């Protein structure tokens, strides 16, 4: 239903949902239940009467009951214990993030203009800085770190990313994505900005929210680095993409930068 709403409209999807699940799907389920229960509606006239004694359950030996109860308790507790063990292995977030020295670029003070910062609610640490090169190109680098994702503290989700709620910025479109990242175009009162975002979670670097979710599930189930990092490179103006690309090339491997920000050894 959500995919149909994405392809068409919410009104059409609501109508489809009502018709399909309210009529067709419901009718099919009822028909299948009736067909499955038909042989058990009633006994045939010639069938023998059942023996109630033969239907009584066989009680297990009393000596087995403690073992069965212990095994059931262990099975019930195993997922919780495993999840707790993985959570306890998550590295603590560093007290601060040092923004990198980028060859050919220098840190400069924020100038007057439309303020911007990516929105990552629940992040343990967020740092942002402005850089400028000899050609006069300017970009903003922001790093957001989650030591471990939890409910309400997630790398991707509603309001997370380039244009947060009540930030004064609004998402307008996506652009050609850089390698292992994504590009969003946002605007605020006539000021246009492009934001390249890279997500580092588990063992992957990606710009896909779907891949972030899948890798998060994988690390929670199987273990691995629990940290989640968003690295954003942004610039405003009429043609910000050349400055973003030049800075990303000078910045070097994004996954290494994200791991160093999280306090993990570089690979």
C-alpha atoms as a PDB file:
ATOM      1  CA  UNK A   1       0.000   0.000   0.000  1.00  0.00           C
ATOM      2  CA  UNK A   2       2.835   2.389   0.817  1.00  0.00           C
ATOM      3  CA  UNK A   3       4.514   1.624  -2.511  1.00  0.00           C
ATOM      4  CA  UNK A   4       1.256   2.253  -4.372  1.00  0.00           C
ATOM      5  CA  UNK A   5       0.919   5.598  -2.561  1.00  0.00           C
ATOM      6  CA  UNK A   6       4.475   6.426  -3.640  1.00  0.00           C
ATOM      7  CA  UNK A   7       3.675   5.646  -7.274  1.00  0.00           C
ATOM      8  CA  UNK A   8       0.254   7.321  -7.325  1.00  0.00           C
ATOM      9  CA  UNK A   9      -1.220   9.342  -4.453  1.00  0.00           C
ATOM     10  CA  UNK A  10      -2.341   8.887  -0.865  1.00  0.00           C
ATOM     11  CA  UNK A  11      -6.018   9.133  -1.844  1.00  0.00           C
ATOM     12  CA  UNK A  12      -5.701   6.378  -4.436  1.00  0.00           C
ATOM     13  CA  UNK A  13      -3.760   4.160  -2.031  1.00  0.00           C
ATOM     14  CA  UNK A  14      -6.378   4.651   0.684  1.00  0.00           C
ATOM     15  CA  UNK A  15      -9.100   3.564  -1.736  1.00  0.00           C
ATOM     16  CA  UNK A  16      -7.083   0.579  -2.884  1.00  0.00           C
ATOM     17  CA  UNK A  17      -6.371  -0.403   0.719  1.00  0.00           C
ATOM     18  CA  UNK A  18     -10.072  -0.294   1.601  1.00  0.00           C
ATOM     19  CA  UNK A  19     -11.183  -2.302  -1.418  1.00  0.00           C
ATOM     20  CA  UNK A  20      -8.423  -4.906  -1.417  1.00  0.00           C
ATOM     21  CA  UNK A  21      -8.079  -5.633   2.296  1.00  0.00           C
ATOM     22  CA  UNK A  22     -11.702  -4.879   3.204  1.00  0.00           C
ATOM     23  CA  UNK A  23     -13.290  -6.951   0.458  1.00  0.00           C
ATOM     24  CA  UNK A  24     -10.966  -9.131  -1.597  1.00  0.00           C
ATOM     25  CA  UNK A  25      -8.351 -10.162   0.984  1.00  0.00           C
ATOM     26  CA  UNK A  26     -10.953 -10.618   3.721  1.00  0.00           C
ATOM     27  CA  UNK A  27     -13.144 -12.748   1.439  1.00  0.00           C
ATOM     28  CA  UNK A  28     -10.204 -14.924   0.404  1.00  0.00           C
ATOM     29  CA  UNK A  29      -9.161 -15.520   4.009  1.00  0.00           C
ATOM     30  CA  UNK A  30     -12.689 -16.434   5.082  1.00  0.00           C
ATOM     31  CA  UNK A  31     -13.023 -18.802   2.107  1.00  0.00           C
ATOM     32  CA  UNK A  32      -9.729 -20.509   2.951  1.00  0.00           C
ATOM     33  CA  UNK A  33     -10.721 -20.903   6.603  1.00  0.00           C
ATOM     34  CA  UNK A  34     -14.065 -22.425   5.637  1.00  0.00           C
ATOM     35  CA  UNK A  35     -12.396 -24.793   3.179  1.00  0.00           C
ATOM     36  CA  UNK A  36      -9.820 -25.871   5.774  1.00  0.00           C
ATOM     37  CA  UNK A  37     -12.483 -26.461   8.426  1.00  0.00           C
ATOM     38  CA  UNK A  38     -15.024 -28.151   6.150  1.00  0.00           C
ATOM     39  CA  UNK A  39     -13.874 -31.746   6.870  1.00  0.00           C
ATOM     40  CA  UNK A  40     -14.257 -31.111  10.606  1.00  0.00           C
ATOM     41  CA  UNK A  41     -17.739 -29.603  10.641  1.00  0.00           C
ATOM     42  CA  UNK A  42     -19.436 -32.803  11.813  1.00  0.00           C
ATOM     43  CA  UNK A  43     -18.984 -36.557  11.926  1.00  0.00           C
ATOM     44  CA  UNK A  44     -20.433 -38.727   9.225  1.00  0.00           C
ATOM     45  CA  UNK A  45     -23.511 -40.772  10.103  1.00  0.00           C
ATOM     46  CA  UNK A  46     -21.596 -44.053   9.858  1.00  0.00           C
ATOM     47  CA  UNK A  47     -18.525 -43.014  11.853  1.00  0.00           C
ATOM     48  CA  UNK A  48     -17.792 -44.712  15.164  1.00  0.00           C
ATOM     49  CA  UNK A  49     -18.104 -42.787  18.390  1.00  0.00           C
ATOM     50  CA  UNK A  50     -14.812 -41.523  19.788  1.00  0.00           C
ATOM     51  CA  UNK A  51     -13.324 -42.826  23.018  1.00  0.00           C
ATOM     52  CA  UNK A  52     -12.779 -39.930  25.455  1.00  0.00           C
ATOM     53  CA  UNK A  53     -10.112 -41.898  27.320  1.00  0.00           C
ATOM     54  CA  UNK A  54      -8.009 -42.185  24.187  1.00  0.00           C
ATOM     55  CA  UNK A  55      -7.954 -38.393  23.824  1.00  0.00           C
ATOM     56  CA  UNK A  56      -6.426 -37.701  27.225  1.00  0.00           C
ATOM     57  CA  UNK A  57      -2.875 -36.289  26.983  1.00  0.00           C
ATOM     58  CA  UNK A  58      -0.005 -38.424  28.149  1.00  0.00           C
ATOM     59  CA  UNK A  59       1.646 -36.720  31.069  1.00  0.00           C
ATOM     60  CA  UNK A  60       5.433 -36.686  30.991  1.00  0.00           C
ATOM     61  CA  UNK A  61       7.338 -38.308  33.763  1.00  0.00           C
ATOM     62  CA  UNK A  62       7.705 -36.008  36.749  1.00  0.00           C
ATOM     63  CA  UNK A  63      11.488 -36.211  36.542  1.00  0.00           C
ATOM     64  CA  UNK A  64      11.471 -34.518  33.130  1.00  0.00           C
ATOM     65  CA  UNK A  65       9.458 -31.467  34.137  1.00  0.00           C
ATOM     66  CA  UNK A  66      12.379 -29.482  35.652  1.00  0.00           C
ATOM     67  CA  UNK A  67      14.521 -30.109  32.558  1.00  0.00           C
ATOM     68  CA  UNK A  68      11.728 -29.064  30.198  1.00  0.00           C
ATOM     69  CA  UNK A  69      11.075 -25.911  32.245  1.00  0.00           C
ATOM     70  CA  UNK A  70      14.783 -25.050  32.309  1.00  0.00           C
ATOM     71  CA  UNK A  71      15.099 -25.561  28.569  1.00  0.00           C
ATOM     72  CA  UNK A  72      12.034 -23.378  27.910  1.00  0.00           C
ATOM     73  CA  UNK A  73      13.418 -20.621  30.149  1.00  0.00           C
ATOM     74  CA  UNK A  74      16.801 -20.794  28.420  1.00  0.00           C
ATOM     75  CA  UNK A  75      15.202 -20.536  24.974  1.00  0.00           C
ATOM     76  CA  UNK A  76      13.101 -17.565  26.068  1.00  0.00           C
ATOM     77  CA  UNK A  77      16.080 -15.751  27.625  1.00  0.00           C
ATOM     78  CA  UNK A  78      18.593 -16.469  24.855  1.00  0.00           C
ATOM     79  CA  UNK A  79      17.538 -13.625  22.481  1.00  0.00           C
ATOM     80  CA  UNK A  80      17.506 -11.068  25.310  1.00  0.00           C
ATOM     81  CA  UNK A  81      20.892 -12.200  26.607  1.00  0.00           C
ATOM     82  CA  UNK A  82      22.371 -12.148  23.095  1.00  0.00           C
ATOM     83  CA  UNK A  83      21.020  -8.665  22.424  1.00  0.00           C
ATOM     84  CA  UNK A  84      22.351  -7.423  25.763  1.00  0.00           C
ATOM     85  CA  UNK A  85      25.773  -8.914  25.055  1.00  0.00           C
ATOM     86  CA  UNK A  86      25.967  -7.182  21.676  1.00  0.00           C
ATOM     87  CA  UNK A  87      24.803  -3.888  23.184  1.00  0.00           C
ATOM     88  CA  UNK A  88      27.374  -4.065  25.973  1.00  0.00           C
ATOM     89  CA  UNK A  89      30.133  -4.562  23.397  1.00  0.00           C
ATOM     90  CA  UNK A  90      29.392  -1.198  21.774  1.00  0.00           C
ATOM     91  CA  UNK A  91      32.272   1.230  22.182  1.00  0.00           C
ATOM     92  CA  UNK A  92      31.512   4.373  24.155  1.00  0.00           C
ATOM     93  CA  UNK A  93      31.252   7.588  22.173  1.00  0.00           C
ATOM     94  CA  UNK A  94      34.331   9.822  22.346  1.00  0.00           C
ATOM     95  CA  UNK A  95      33.961  13.040  24.278  1.00  0.00           C
ATOM     96  CA  UNK A  96      34.550  15.095  21.145  1.00  0.00           C
ATOM     97  CA  UNK A  97      35.270  14.807  17.427  1.00  0.00           C
ATOM     98  CA  UNK A  98      38.275  16.542  15.940  1.00  0.00           C
ATOM     99  CA  UNK A  99      37.553  17.719  12.431  1.00  0.00           C
ATOM    100  CA  UNK A 100      40.345  16.651  10.055  1.00  0.00           C
ATOM    101  CA  UNK A 101      43.094  18.676   8.430  1.00  0.00           C
ATOM    102  CA  UNK A 102      42.321  18.485   4.718  1.00  0.00           C
ATOM    103  CA  UNK A 103      45.171  19.019   2.224  1.00  0.00           C
ATOM    104  CA  UNK A 104      44.667  22.209   0.235  1.00  0.00           C
ATOM    105  CA  UNK A 105      41.867  23.416   2.498  1.00  0.00           C
ATOM    106  CA  UNK A 106      41.898  25.576   5.627  1.00  0.00           C
ATOM    107  CA  UNK A 107      39.409  25.946   8.470  1.00  0.00           C
ATOM    108  CA  UNK A 108      37.741  29.352   8.415  1.00  0.00           C
ATOM    109  CA  UNK A 109      35.238  31.058  10.664  1.00  0.00           C
ATOM    110  CA  UNK A 110      31.562  30.871   9.855  1.00  0.00           C
ATOM    111  CA  UNK A 111      30.440  33.844   7.825  1.00  0.00           C
ATOM    112  CA  UNK A 112      27.168  35.682   7.870  1.00  0.00           C
ATOM    113  CA  UNK A 113      24.459  34.112   5.807  1.00  0.00           C
ATOM    114  CA  UNK A 114      21.704  31.562   6.129  1.00  0.00           C
ATOM    115  CA  UNK A 115      22.801  29.239   8.985  1.00  0.00           C
ATOM    116  CA  UNK A 116      22.705  25.519   8.287  1.00  0.00           C
ATOM    117  CA  UNK A 117      23.477  22.334  10.175  1.00  0.00           C
ATOM    118  CA  UNK A 118      22.343  18.762   9.508  1.00  0.00           C
ATOM    119  CA  UNK A 119      19.761  17.406  11.920  1.00  0.00           C
ATOM    120  CA  UNK A 120      20.486  14.142  13.740  1.00  0.00           C
ATOM    121  CA  UNK A 121      18.324  13.928  16.851  1.00  0.00           C
ATOM    122  CA  UNK A 122      19.818  11.736  19.560  1.00  0.00           C
ATOM    123  CA  UNK A 123      23.375  11.792  18.190  1.00  0.00           C
ATOM    124  CA  UNK A 124      26.071  11.478  20.841  1.00  0.00           C
ATOM    125  CA  UNK A 125      28.327  14.023  19.143  1.00  0.00           C
ATOM    126  CA  UNK A 126      27.842  16.441  16.224  1.00  0.00           C
ATOM    127  CA  UNK A 127      30.599  18.700  14.942  1.00  0.00           C
ATOM    128  CA  UNK A 128      30.566  21.061  11.972  1.00  0.00           C
ATOM    129  CA  UNK A 129      33.236  23.284  10.446  1.00  0.00           C
ATOM    130  CA  UNK A 130      33.789  25.429   7.374  1.00  0.00           C
ATOM    131  CA  UNK A 131      36.706  25.012   4.967  1.00  0.00           C
ATOM    132  CA  UNK A 132      38.078  27.128   2.126  1.00  0.00           C
ATOM    133  CA  UNK A 133      40.706  26.381  -0.518  1.00  0.00           C
ATOM    134  CA  UNK A 134      43.036  28.654  -2.485  1.00  0.00           C
ATOM    135  CA  UNK A 135      40.497  28.936  -5.300  1.00  0.00           C
ATOM    136  CA  UNK A 136      38.003  30.486  -2.898  1.00  0.00           C
ATOM    137  CA  UNK A 137      35.669  27.487  -2.807  1.00  0.00           C
ATOM    138  CA  UNK A 138      33.918  26.999   0.544  1.00  0.00           C
ATOM    139  CA  UNK A 139      32.266  23.923   2.025  1.00  0.00           C
ATOM    140  CA  UNK A 140      30.850  22.823   5.361  1.00  0.00           C
ATOM    141  CA  UNK A 141      31.886  19.473   6.839  1.00  0.00           C
ATOM    142  CA  UNK A 142      29.676  17.916   9.503  1.00  0.00           C
ATOM    143  CA  UNK A 143      30.136  14.623  11.363  1.00  0.00           C
ATOM    144  CA  UNK A 144      27.371  13.082  13.494  1.00  0.00           C
ATOM    145  CA  UNK A 145      28.122  10.049  15.670  1.00  0.00           C
ATOM    146  CA  UNK A 146      25.812   7.516  17.300  1.00  0.00           C
ATOM    147  CA  UNK A 147      27.722   5.116  19.547  1.00  0.00           C
ATOM    148  CA  UNK A 148      24.756   2.760  19.235  1.00  0.00           C
ATOM    149  CA  UNK A 149      21.406   3.177  17.515  1.00  0.00           C
ATOM    150  CA  UNK A 150      18.241   2.795  19.564  1.00  0.00           C
ATOM    151  CA  UNK A 151      14.610   3.803  19.336  1.00  0.00           C
ATOM    152  CA  UNK A 152      14.608   7.573  18.897  1.00  0.00           C
ATOM    153  CA  UNK A 153      18.367   7.590  18.256  1.00  0.00           C
ATOM    154  CA  UNK A 154      18.660   6.402  14.674  1.00  0.00           C
ATOM    155  CA  UNK A 155      20.897   7.407  11.797  1.00  0.00           C
ATOM    156  CA  UNK A 156      18.074   7.516   9.241  1.00  0.00           C
ATOM    157  CA  UNK A 157      14.447   8.315   9.888  1.00  0.00           C
ATOM    158  CA  UNK A 158      11.866  11.054   9.694  1.00  0.00           C
ATOM    159  CA  UNK A 159      13.458  14.467  10.131  1.00  0.00           C
ATOM    160  CA  UNK A 160      17.016  13.125  10.148  1.00  0.00           C
ATOM    161  CA  UNK A 161      19.469  14.457   7.596  1.00  0.00           C
ATOM    162  CA  UNK A 162      20.099  17.566   5.556  1.00  0.00           C
ATOM    163  CA  UNK A 163      16.932  19.501   6.406  1.00  0.00           C
ATOM    164  CA  UNK A 164      15.534  18.944   9.871  1.00  0.00           C
ATOM    165  CA  UNK A 165      12.100  19.972  11.168  1.00  0.00           C
ATOM    166  CA  UNK A 166      11.740  23.662  12.006  1.00  0.00           C
ATOM    167  CA  UNK A 167      15.232  24.342  10.652  1.00  0.00           C
ATOM    168  CA  UNK A 168      14.114  26.859   8.043  1.00  0.00           C
ATOM    169  CA  UNK A 169      15.426  24.579   5.306  1.00  0.00           C
ATOM    170  CA  UNK A 170      13.259  22.459   3.010  1.00  0.00           C
ATOM    171  CA  UNK A 171      14.209  19.478   0.865  1.00  0.00           C
ATOM    172  CA  UNK A 172      13.621  20.106  -2.846  1.00  0.00           C
ATOM    173  CA  UNK A 173      15.215  17.268  -4.838  1.00  0.00           C
ATOM    174  CA  UNK A 174      17.998  14.735  -5.082  1.00  0.00           C
ATOM    175  CA  UNK A 175      20.993  15.128  -7.360  1.00  0.00           C
ATOM    176  CA  UNK A 176      23.615  12.860  -8.943  1.00  0.00           C
ATOM    177  CA  UNK A 177      25.027  10.950  -5.988  1.00  0.00           C
ATOM    178  CA  UNK A 178      28.755  10.761  -5.272  1.00  0.00           C
ATOM    179  CA  UNK A 179      30.295   7.315  -4.876  1.00  0.00           C
ATOM    180  CA  UNK A 180      28.934   5.551  -1.748  1.00  0.00           C
ATOM    181  CA  UNK A 181      26.807   8.584  -0.874  1.00  0.00           C
ATOM    182  CA  UNK A 182      23.718  10.582  -1.687  1.00  0.00           C
ATOM    183  CA  UNK A 183      23.089  14.187  -2.696  1.00  0.00           C
ATOM    184  CA  UNK A 184      20.180  16.313  -1.495  1.00  0.00           C
ATOM    185  CA  UNK A 185      19.212  19.772  -2.698  1.00  0.00           C
ATOM    186  CA  UNK A 186      17.637  22.041  -0.094  1.00  0.00           C
ATOM    187  CA  UNK A 187      16.643  25.682   0.029  1.00  0.00           C
ATOM    188  CA  UNK A 188      15.736  28.365   2.536  1.00  0.00           C
ATOM    189  CA  UNK A 189      14.282  31.752   1.586  1.00  0.00           C
ATOM    190  CA  UNK A 190      16.004  31.844  -1.780  1.00  0.00           C
ATOM    191  CA  UNK A 191      19.293  30.338  -0.601  1.00  0.00           C
ATOM    192  CA  UNK A 192      20.125  27.042  -2.303  1.00  0.00           C
ATOM    193  CA  UNK A 193      22.436  24.387  -0.904  1.00  0.00           C
ATOM    194  CA  UNK A 194      23.583  20.912  -1.910  1.00  0.00           C
ATOM    195  CA  UNK A 195      24.399  18.314   0.744  1.00  0.00           C
ATOM    196  CA  UNK A 196      26.398  15.130   0.081  1.00  0.00           C
ATOM    197  CA  UNK A 197      25.814  12.542   2.821  1.00  0.00           C
ATOM    198  CA  UNK A 198      27.711   9.334   3.567  1.00  0.00           C
ATOM    199  CA  UNK A 199      26.491   6.793   6.130  1.00  0.00           C
ATOM    200  CA  UNK A 200      28.954   4.532   7.910  1.00  0.00           C
ATOM    201  CA  UNK A 201      27.245   1.660   9.731  1.00  0.00           C
ATOM    202  CA  UNK A 202      28.450  -1.859  10.406  1.00  0.00           C
ATOM    203  CA  UNK A 203      30.948  -2.752   7.705  1.00  0.00           C
ATOM    204  CA  UNK A 204      29.573  -0.600   4.895  1.00  0.00           C
ATOM    205  CA  UNK A 205      29.705   2.969   3.596  1.00  0.00           C
ATOM    206  CA  UNK A 206      26.542   3.931   1.731  1.00  0.00           C
ATOM    207  CA  UNK A 207      24.126   6.683   0.868  1.00  0.00           C
ATOM    208  CA  UNK A 208      21.085   4.414   0.897  1.00  0.00           C
ATOM    209  CA  UNK A 209      18.762   4.550   3.946  1.00  0.00           C
ATOM    210  CA  UNK A 210      17.557   1.031   3.082  1.00  0.00           C
ATOM    211  CA  UNK A 211      21.092  -0.351   3.240  1.00  0.00           C
ATOM    212  CA  UNK A 212      21.583   1.458   6.564  1.00  0.00           C
ATOM    213  CA  UNK A 213      18.502  -0.281   7.996  1.00  0.00           C
ATOM    214  CA  UNK A 214      19.558  -3.708   6.706  1.00  0.00           C
ATOM    215  CA  UNK A 215      23.118  -3.353   7.993  1.00  0.00           C
ATOM    216  CA  UNK A 216      21.813  -2.135  11.352  1.00  0.00           C
ATOM    217  CA  UNK A 217      19.660  -5.261  11.675  1.00  0.00           C
ATOM    218  CA  UNK A 218      22.629  -7.404  10.687  1.00  0.00           C
ATOM    219  CA  UNK A 219      24.949  -5.895  13.316  1.00  0.00           C
ATOM    220  CA  UNK A 220      22.298  -6.209  16.017  1.00  0.00           C
ATOM    221  CA  UNK A 221      21.720  -9.873  15.213  1.00  0.00           C
ATOM    222  CA  UNK A 222      25.246 -11.017  14.398  1.00  0.00           C
ATOM    223  CA  UNK A 223      27.408  -8.464  16.195  1.00  0.00           C
ATOM    224  CA  UNK A 224      29.992  -6.098  14.806  1.00  0.00           C
ATOM    225  CA  UNK A 225      30.666  -2.359  15.121  1.00  0.00           C
ATOM    226  CA  UNK A 226      27.575  -0.772  16.629  1.00  0.00           C
ATOM    227  CA  UNK A 227      28.576   2.803  15.838  1.00  0.00           C
ATOM    228  CA  UNK A 228      26.726   4.752  13.165  1.00  0.00           C
ATOM    229  CA  UNK A 229      28.225   7.859  11.594  1.00  0.00           C
ATOM    230  CA  UNK A 230      26.940  10.422   9.115  1.00  0.00           C
ATOM    231  CA  UNK A 231      29.513  12.480   7.221  1.00  0.00           C
ATOM    232  CA  UNK A 232      28.070  15.410   5.274  1.00  0.00           C
ATOM    233  CA  UNK A 233      29.822  17.786   2.899  1.00  0.00           C
ATOM    234  CA  UNK A 234      27.745  20.797   1.884  1.00  0.00           C
ATOM    235  CA  UNK A 235      28.052  24.050  -0.028  1.00  0.00           C
ATOM    236  CA  UNK A 236      25.660  26.786  -1.070  1.00  0.00           C
ATOM    237  CA  UNK A 237      25.497  29.109  -4.053  1.00  0.00           C
ATOM    238  CA  UNK A 238      24.537  28.846  -7.678  1.00  0.00           C
ATOM    239  CA  UNK A 239      26.899  25.940  -8.501  1.00  0.00           C
ATOM    240  CA  UNK A 240      28.032  24.217  -5.299  1.00  0.00           C
ATOM    241  CA  UNK A 241      28.780  20.757  -6.702  1.00  0.00           C
ATOM    242  CA  UNK A 242      32.360  21.439  -7.968  1.00  0.00           C
ATOM    243  CA  UNK A 243      33.396  22.611  -4.486  1.00  0.00           C
ATOM    244  CA  UNK A 244      31.825  19.538  -2.874  1.00  0.00           C
ATOM    245  CA  UNK A 245      33.565  17.159  -5.292  1.00  0.00           C
ATOM    246  CA  UNK A 246      36.932  18.877  -4.840  1.00  0.00           C
ATOM    247  CA  UNK A 247      36.660  18.668  -1.065  1.00  0.00           C
ATOM    248  CA  UNK A 248      35.631  14.994  -1.101  1.00  0.00           C
ATOM    249  CA  UNK A 249      38.658  14.142  -3.256  1.00  0.00           C
ATOM    250  CA  UNK A 250      40.977  15.958  -0.857  1.00  0.00           C
ATOM    251  CA  UNK A 251      39.275  14.471   2.198  1.00  0.00           C
ATOM    252  CA  UNK A 252      40.296  10.902   1.376  1.00  0.00           C
ATOM    253  CA  UNK A 253      38.455   7.694   2.365  1.00  0.00           C
ATOM    254  CA  UNK A 254      35.192   8.612   4.066  1.00  0.00           C
ATOM    255  CA  UNK A 255      34.937   5.269   5.889  1.00  0.00           C
ATOM    256  CA  UNK A 256      38.330   5.835   7.507  1.00  0.00           C
ATOM    257  CA  UNK A 257      37.287   9.326   8.610  1.00  0.00           C
ATOM    258  CA  UNK A 258      34.064   7.944  10.118  1.00  0.00           C
ATOM    259  CA  UNK A 259      35.881   5.177  12.001  1.00  0.00           C
ATOM    260  CA  UNK A 260      38.432   7.616  13.403  1.00  0.00           C
ATOM    261  CA  UNK A 261      35.604   9.913  14.527  1.00  0.00           C
ATOM    262  CA  UNK A 262      34.028   6.958  16.345  1.00  0.00           C
ATOM    263  CA  UNK A 263      37.311   6.067  18.036  1.00  0.00           C
ATOM    264  CA  UNK A 264      37.766   2.861  16.046  1.00  0.00           C
ATOM    265  CA  UNK A 265      41.107   1.852  14.517  1.00  0.00           C
ATOM    266  CA  UNK A 266      41.565   2.870  10.896  1.00  0.00           C
ATOM    267  CA  UNK A 267      41.512   0.151   8.254  1.00  0.00           C
END
